[in-house]
C-alpha atoms as a PDB file:
ATOM      1  CA  MET A   1       8.970  36.909 -42.753  1.00  0.00           C
ATOM      2  CA  ILE A   2      11.275  38.058 -39.240  1.00  0.00           C
ATOM      3  CA  ARG A   3      12.187  41.232 -39.410  1.00  0.00           C
ATOM      4  CA  SER A   4      14.490  42.062 -36.636  1.00  0.00           C
ATOM      5  CA  VAL A   5      16.286  45.241 -34.094  1.00  0.00           C
ATOM      6  CA  ASN A   6      19.250  45.216 -32.391  1.00  0.00           C
ATOM      7  CA  ILE A   7      20.753  47.504 -30.224  1.00  0.00           C
ATOM      8  CA  GLN A   8      23.398  47.790 -27.325  1.00  0.00           C
ATOM      9  CA  PHE A   9      23.925  49.698 -24.293  1.00  0.00           C
ATOM     10  CA  HIS A  10      24.971  50.675 -21.072  1.00  0.00           C
ATOM     11  CA  MET A  11      22.473  51.912 -18.626  1.00  0.00           C
ATOM     12  CA  LEU A  12      21.590  51.693 -15.084  1.00  0.00           C
ATOM     13  CA  PHE A  13      19.661  48.920 -13.208  1.00  0.00           C
ATOM     14  CA  ASP A  14      17.656  51.285 -11.786  1.00  0.00           C
ATOM     15  CA  GLU A  15      17.013  52.891 -15.211  1.00  0.00           C
ATOM     16  CA  LEU A  16      16.399  49.936 -16.635  1.00  0.00           C
ATOM     17  CA  VAL A  17      13.567  48.845 -14.607  1.00  0.00           C
ATOM     18  CA  LYS A  18      11.983  52.563 -14.756  1.00  0.00           C
ATOM     19  CA  PHE A  19      12.690  51.876 -18.628  1.00  0.00           C
ATOM     20  CA  VAL A  20      10.507  48.972 -18.809  1.00  0.00           C
ATOM     21  CA  VAL A  21       7.435  49.636 -16.461  1.00  0.00           C
ATOM     22  CA  ASP A  22       7.147  52.803 -18.568  1.00  0.00           C
ATOM     23  CA  VAL A  23       7.394  51.485 -22.154  1.00  0.00           C
ATOM     24  CA  CYS A  24       4.998  48.051 -20.391  1.00  0.00           C
ATOM     25  CA  LEU A  25       2.614  50.883 -19.588  1.00  0.00           C
ATOM     26  CA  ARG A  26       2.092  52.693 -22.849  1.00  0.00           C
ATOM     27  CA  LEU A  27       2.347  49.929 -25.323  1.00  0.00           C
ATOM     28  CA  ASN A  28       0.779  47.842 -23.151  1.00  0.00           C
ATOM     29  CA  LEU A  29       3.100  45.086 -22.933  1.00  0.00           C
ATOM     30  CA  GLU A  30       3.667  42.080 -19.873  1.00  0.00           C
ATOM     31  CA  VAL A  31       6.911  41.017 -18.876  1.00  0.00           C
ATOM     32  CA  GLU A  32       8.373  37.964 -18.087  1.00  0.00           C
ATOM     33  CA  LEU A  33      11.992  37.570 -16.111  1.00  0.00           C
ATOM     34  CA  GLU A  34      14.659  35.351 -16.978  1.00  0.00           C
ATOM     35  CA  ARG A  35      16.750  33.960 -15.292  1.00  0.00           C
ATOM     36  CA  TYR A  36      20.103  31.755 -17.187  1.00  0.00           C
ATOM     37  CA  PHE A  37      21.381  29.235 -14.606  1.00  0.00           C
ATOM     38  CA  PRO A  38      19.107  27.502 -13.433  1.00  0.00           C
ATOM     39  CA  ASN A  39      16.839  28.019 -16.551  1.00  0.00           C
ATOM     40  CA  VAL A  40      13.833  30.277 -14.399  1.00  0.00           C
ATOM     41  CA  PHE A  41      10.515  31.979 -16.157  1.00  0.00           C
ATOM     42  CA  HIS A  42       7.880  34.155 -14.326  1.00  0.00           C
ATOM     43  CA  LEU A  43       5.547  35.805 -16.206  1.00  0.00           C
ATOM     44  CA  VAL A  44       4.958  38.924 -14.463  1.00  0.00           C
ATOM     45  CA  PRO A  45       0.984  39.724 -13.517  1.00  0.00           C
ATOM     46  CA  ARG A  46      -0.310  42.851 -15.067  1.00  0.00           C
ATOM     47  CA  ALA A  47      -1.012  44.604 -11.980  1.00  0.00           C
ATOM     48  CA  ALA A  48       2.448  43.122 -10.302  1.00  0.00           C
ATOM     49  CA  ASN A  49       4.555  45.984  -9.195  1.00  0.00           C
ATOM     50  CA  LEU A  50       7.982  44.720 -10.625  1.00  0.00           C
ATOM     51  CA  VAL A  51      10.207  45.833  -8.628  1.00  0.00           C
ATOM     52  CA  LYS A  52       9.178  43.565  -6.161  1.00  0.00           C
ATOM     53  CA  GLU A  53       8.895  40.693  -8.547  1.00  0.00           C
ATOM     54  CA  ILE A  54      12.113  41.738  -8.900  1.00  0.00           C
ATOM     55  CA  LYS A  55      13.395  41.066  -5.667  1.00  0.00           C
ATOM     56  CA  GLU A  56      11.742  38.021  -5.223  1.00  0.00           C
ATOM     57  CA  PHE A  57      12.949  36.613  -8.344  1.00  0.00           C
ATOM     58  CA  GLY A  58      16.356  37.498  -7.739  1.00  0.00           C
ATOM     59  CA  LYS A  59      19.085  37.196 -10.248  1.00  0.00           C
ATOM     60  CA  LEU A  60      17.577  38.723 -13.647  1.00  0.00           C
ATOM     61  CA  ASP A  61      19.688  38.404 -16.903  1.00  0.00           C
ATOM     62  CA  CYS A  62      16.349  39.007 -19.514  1.00  0.00           C
ATOM     63  CA  PHE A  63      13.209  40.743 -19.290  1.00  0.00           C
ATOM     64  CA  TRP A  64      10.951  40.244 -21.882  1.00  0.00           C
ATOM     65  CA  LEU A  65       7.963  42.394 -23.310  1.00  0.00           C
ATOM     66  CA  VAL A  66       4.947  40.467 -24.742  1.00  0.00           C
ATOM     67  CA  TYR A  67       3.212  41.436 -26.996  1.00  0.00           C
ATOM     68  CA  LYS A  68      -0.662  39.622 -27.665  1.00  0.00           C
ATOM     69  CA  SER A  69      -2.036  41.172 -31.161  1.00  0.00           C
ATOM     70  CA  PRO A  70      -5.285  40.767 -31.021  1.00  0.00           C
ATOM     71  CA  ARG A  71      -5.034  39.304 -34.618  1.00  0.00           C
ATOM     72  CA  SER A  72      -3.220  36.598 -33.460  1.00  0.00           C
ATOM     73  CA  LYS A  73      -3.382  33.699 -30.805  1.00  0.00           C
ATOM     74  CA  LYS A  74       0.601  33.019 -30.193  1.00  0.00           C
ATOM     75  CA  PRO A  75       2.218  36.486 -28.543  1.00  0.00           C
ATOM     76  CA  GLU A  76       5.789  37.467 -29.853  1.00  0.00           C
ATOM     77  CA  LYS A  77       8.349  38.468 -26.871  1.00  0.00           C
ATOM     78  CA  PHE A  78      10.771  41.320 -27.233  1.00  0.00           C
ATOM     79  CA  MET A  79      14.145  40.157 -25.666  1.00  0.00           C
ATOM     80  CA  LEU A  80      15.988  43.159 -23.397  1.00  0.00           C
ATOM     81  CA  ALA A  81      18.879  41.459 -22.388  1.00  0.00           C
ATOM     82  CA  VAL A  82      20.259  42.980 -18.665  1.00  0.00           C
ATOM     83  CA  GLY A  83      23.611  44.587 -18.722  1.00  0.00           C
ATOM     84  CA  ARG A  84      24.261  43.353 -14.675  1.00  0.00           C
ATOM     85  CA  GLN A  85      27.279  44.838 -13.249  1.00  0.00           C
ATOM     86  CA  ARG A  86      29.900  42.685 -11.285  1.00  0.00           C
ATOM     87  CA  GLY A  87      31.581  45.132  -8.943  1.00  0.00           C
ATOM     88  CA  ASN A  88      32.291  48.305 -10.624  1.00  0.00           C
ATOM     89  CA  LEU A  89      32.358  46.979 -14.528  1.00  0.00           C
ATOM     90  CA  LEU A  90      28.922  47.511 -16.108  1.00  0.00           C
ATOM     91  CA  ALA A  91      28.694  45.426 -19.014  1.00  0.00           C
ATOM     92  CA  GLN A  92      25.966  46.573 -22.536  1.00  0.00           C
ATOM     93  CA  ALA A  93      22.861  45.615 -21.798  1.00  0.00           C
ATOM     94  CA  HIS A  94      21.080  44.437 -25.778  1.00  0.00           C
ATOM     95  CA  LEU A  95      17.714  44.864 -27.016  1.00  0.00           C
ATOM     96  CA  GLY A  96      17.693  41.989 -29.705  1.00  0.00           C
ATOM     97  CA  ALA A  97      14.432  40.582 -31.080  1.00  0.00           C
ATOM     98  CA  GLY A  98      12.512  40.134 -34.432  1.00  0.00           C
ATOM     99  CA  ALA A  99       8.355  40.416 -35.097  1.00  0.00           C
ATOM    100  CA  SER A 100       6.396  37.504 -37.268  1.00  0.00           C
ATOM    101  CA  THR A 101       4.188  40.429 -37.541  1.00  0.00           C
ATOM    102  CA  GLU A 102       3.400  43.643 -38.979  1.00  0.00           C
ATOM    103  CA  GLN A 103       1.499  44.864 -36.134  1.00  0.00           C
ATOM    104  CA  GLY A 104       4.390  43.225 -33.749  1.00  0.00           C
ATOM    105  CA  TYR A 105       6.839  44.784 -35.503  1.00  0.00           C
ATOM    106  CA  LYS A 106       5.117  48.426 -34.789  1.00  0.00           C
ATOM    107  CA  VAL A 107       5.145  47.512 -31.163  1.00  0.00           C
ATOM    108  CA  LEU A 108       8.859  46.507 -31.559  1.00  0.00           C
ATOM    109  CA  LYS A 109      10.451  49.339 -33.330  1.00  0.00           C
ATOM    110  CA  GLN A 110       8.196  51.726 -31.421  1.00  0.00           C
ATOM    111  CA  VAL A 111       9.814  50.064 -28.233  1.00  0.00           C
ATOM    112  CA  ALA A 112      13.422  50.614 -29.686  1.00  0.00           C
ATOM    113  CA  ARG A 113      12.467  55.054 -30.732  1.00  0.00           C
ATOM    114  CA  ASP A 114      11.332  55.025 -26.717  1.00  0.00           C
ATOM    115  CA  LEU A 115      15.012  53.527 -25.433  1.00  0.00           C
ATOM    116  CA  LYS A 116      16.851  55.386 -27.835  1.00  0.00           C
ATOM    117  CA  LYS A 117      14.830  58.138 -26.200  1.00  0.00           C
ATOM    118  CA  HIS A 118      16.356  57.294 -23.064  1.00  0.00           C
ATOM    119  CA  THR A 119      20.184  56.944 -24.701  1.00  0.00           C
ATOM    120  CA  LYS A 120      22.316  58.988 -26.520  1.00  0.00           C
ATOM    121  CA  ALA A 121      23.952  57.358 -29.312  1.00  0.00           C
ATOM    122  CA  GLY A 122      28.352  56.479 -29.093  1.00  0.00           C
ATOM    123  CA  LEU A 123      30.718  55.624 -27.147  1.00  0.00           C
ATOM    124  CA  TRP A 124      34.679  55.432 -26.919  1.00  0.00           C
ATOM    125  CA  ALA A 125      35.492  51.710 -27.312  1.00  0.00           C
ATOM    126  CA  MET A 126      39.119  50.109 -27.107  1.00  0.00           C
ATOM    127  CA  SER A 127      39.885  46.539 -29.049  1.00  0.00           C
ATOM    128  CA  GLY A 128      42.222  43.825 -27.312  1.00  0.00           C
ATOM    129  CA  THR A 129      45.062  44.897 -29.389  1.00  0.00           C
ATOM    130  CA  GLY A 130      44.390  48.940 -27.789  1.00  0.00           C
ATOM    131  CA  GLU A 131      42.938  50.981 -30.494  1.00  0.00           C
ATOM    132  CA  ILE A 132      40.311  52.987 -30.268  1.00  0.00           C
ATOM    133  CA  ALA A 133      37.509  54.556 -32.532  1.00  0.00           C
ATOM    134  CA  PHE A 134      34.618  56.077 -31.695  1.00  0.00           C
ATOM    135  CA  VAL A 135      31.348  53.606 -31.838  1.00  0.00           C
ATOM    136  CA  LYS A 136      27.326  55.311 -32.911  1.00  0.00           C
ATOM    137  CA  GLN A 137      26.098  52.234 -32.478  1.00  0.00           C
ATOM    138  CA  VAL A 138      26.852  51.386 -28.896  1.00  0.00           C
ATOM    139  CA  ARG A 139      24.332  53.639 -26.669  1.00  0.00           C
ATOM    140  CA  ILE A 140      24.370  55.151 -23.325  1.00  0.00           C
ATOM    141  CA  SER A 141      21.453  56.752 -21.206  1.00  0.00           C
ATOM    142  CA  GLU A 142      22.655  59.564 -19.055  1.00  0.00           C
ATOM    143  CA  GLY A 143      22.820  58.318 -15.909  1.00  0.00           C
ATOM    144  CA  ALA A 144      25.378  55.412 -16.784  1.00  0.00           C
ATOM    145  CA  THR A 145      27.502  58.107 -18.554  1.00  0.00           C
ATOM    146  CA  ILE A 146      27.392  60.031 -14.919  1.00  0.00           C
ATOM    147  CA  ALA A 147      28.149  57.886 -13.109  1.00  0.00           C
ATOM    148  CA  ALA A 148      30.739  56.845 -15.449  1.00  0.00           C
ATOM    149  CA  ARG A 149      32.502  60.326 -15.971  1.00  0.00           C
ATOM    150  CA  ALA A 150      32.164  60.123 -12.027  1.00  0.00           C
ATOM    151  CA  GLY A 151      34.177  56.808 -11.868  1.00  0.00           C
ATOM    152  CA  LYS A 152      31.615  54.850 -10.264  1.00  0.00           C
ATOM    153  CA  VAL A 153      31.393  52.453 -12.717  1.00  0.00           C
ATOM    154  CA  VAL A 154      33.735  51.375 -15.943  1.00  0.00           C
ATOM    155  CA  LEU A 155      31.614  50.054 -19.149  1.00  0.00           C
ATOM    156  CA  ALA A 156      32.858  46.826 -20.382  1.00  0.00           C
ATOM    157  CA  ASN A 157      31.298  44.606 -23.417  1.00  0.00           C
ATOM    158  CA  ILE A 158      28.822  41.832 -22.820  1.00  0.00           C
ATOM    159  CA  THR A 159      32.625  39.726 -21.483  1.00  0.00           C
ATOM    160  CA  PHE A 160      33.104  42.164 -18.960  1.00  0.00           C
ATOM    161  CA  GLY A 161      36.014  43.890 -20.266  1.00  0.00           C
ATOM    162  CA  PRO A 162      36.548  47.379 -19.601  1.00  0.00           C
ATOM    163  CA  SER A 163      36.486  48.505 -23.118  1.00  0.00           C
ATOM    164  CA  PHE A 164      34.428  51.281 -23.298  1.00  0.00           C
ATOM    165  CA  PHE A 165      34.582  54.996 -22.749  1.00  0.00           C
ATOM    166  CA  VAL A 166      31.716  58.340 -22.438  1.00  0.00           C
ATOM    167  CA  ASP A 167      34.891  60.364 -23.006  1.00  0.00           C
ATOM    168  CA  PRO A 168      37.832  60.086 -25.790  1.00  0.00           C
ATOM    169  CA  PRO A 169      40.855  58.400 -23.760  1.00  0.00           C
ATOM    170  CA  VAL A 170      44.584  60.265 -22.791  1.00  0.00           C
ATOM    171  CA  GLY A 171      45.546  61.784 -26.158  1.00  0.00           C
ATOM    172  CA  GLU A 172      42.354  60.395 -28.629  1.00  0.00           C
ATOM    173  CA  HIS A 173      40.709  63.561 -30.785  1.00  0.00           C
ATOM    174  CA  SER A 174      37.099  63.221 -31.716  1.00  0.00           C
END
């Protein structure tokens, strides 16, 4: 039985890289880098400097956190999609993963708990028709909050539509 985790969040790229380094060291995970077009994967050697590996890899779309159970020959891979920045638009990042073993699910839940410790729940969202609501399921990091309030980034959905706000838009009440 596969059990899954799904967390959408906004986080600056340098914060996300630091999170990946920290969680992989703490939970003994490996990291695989992925670029979608052209589709390329790169397994980062355990002792390597992740920042240097990313620079050499180039455009990065996704981190794969790889858990190798001592009881299983097949590793479990947890997808952590990068929230890319285009101009001042910062798209959502996404932890979307499933685990097929009990131990893998425990590790995945710990990754999710760590991610929640590095982010805060809730953003104001605007639909395509202009309706506004507070959405607790979407999370945001401290760095992205500061950057959004300073006007350095505009929080966007996955398709780069500006649609999220740290504070209620003018005229809305919390």
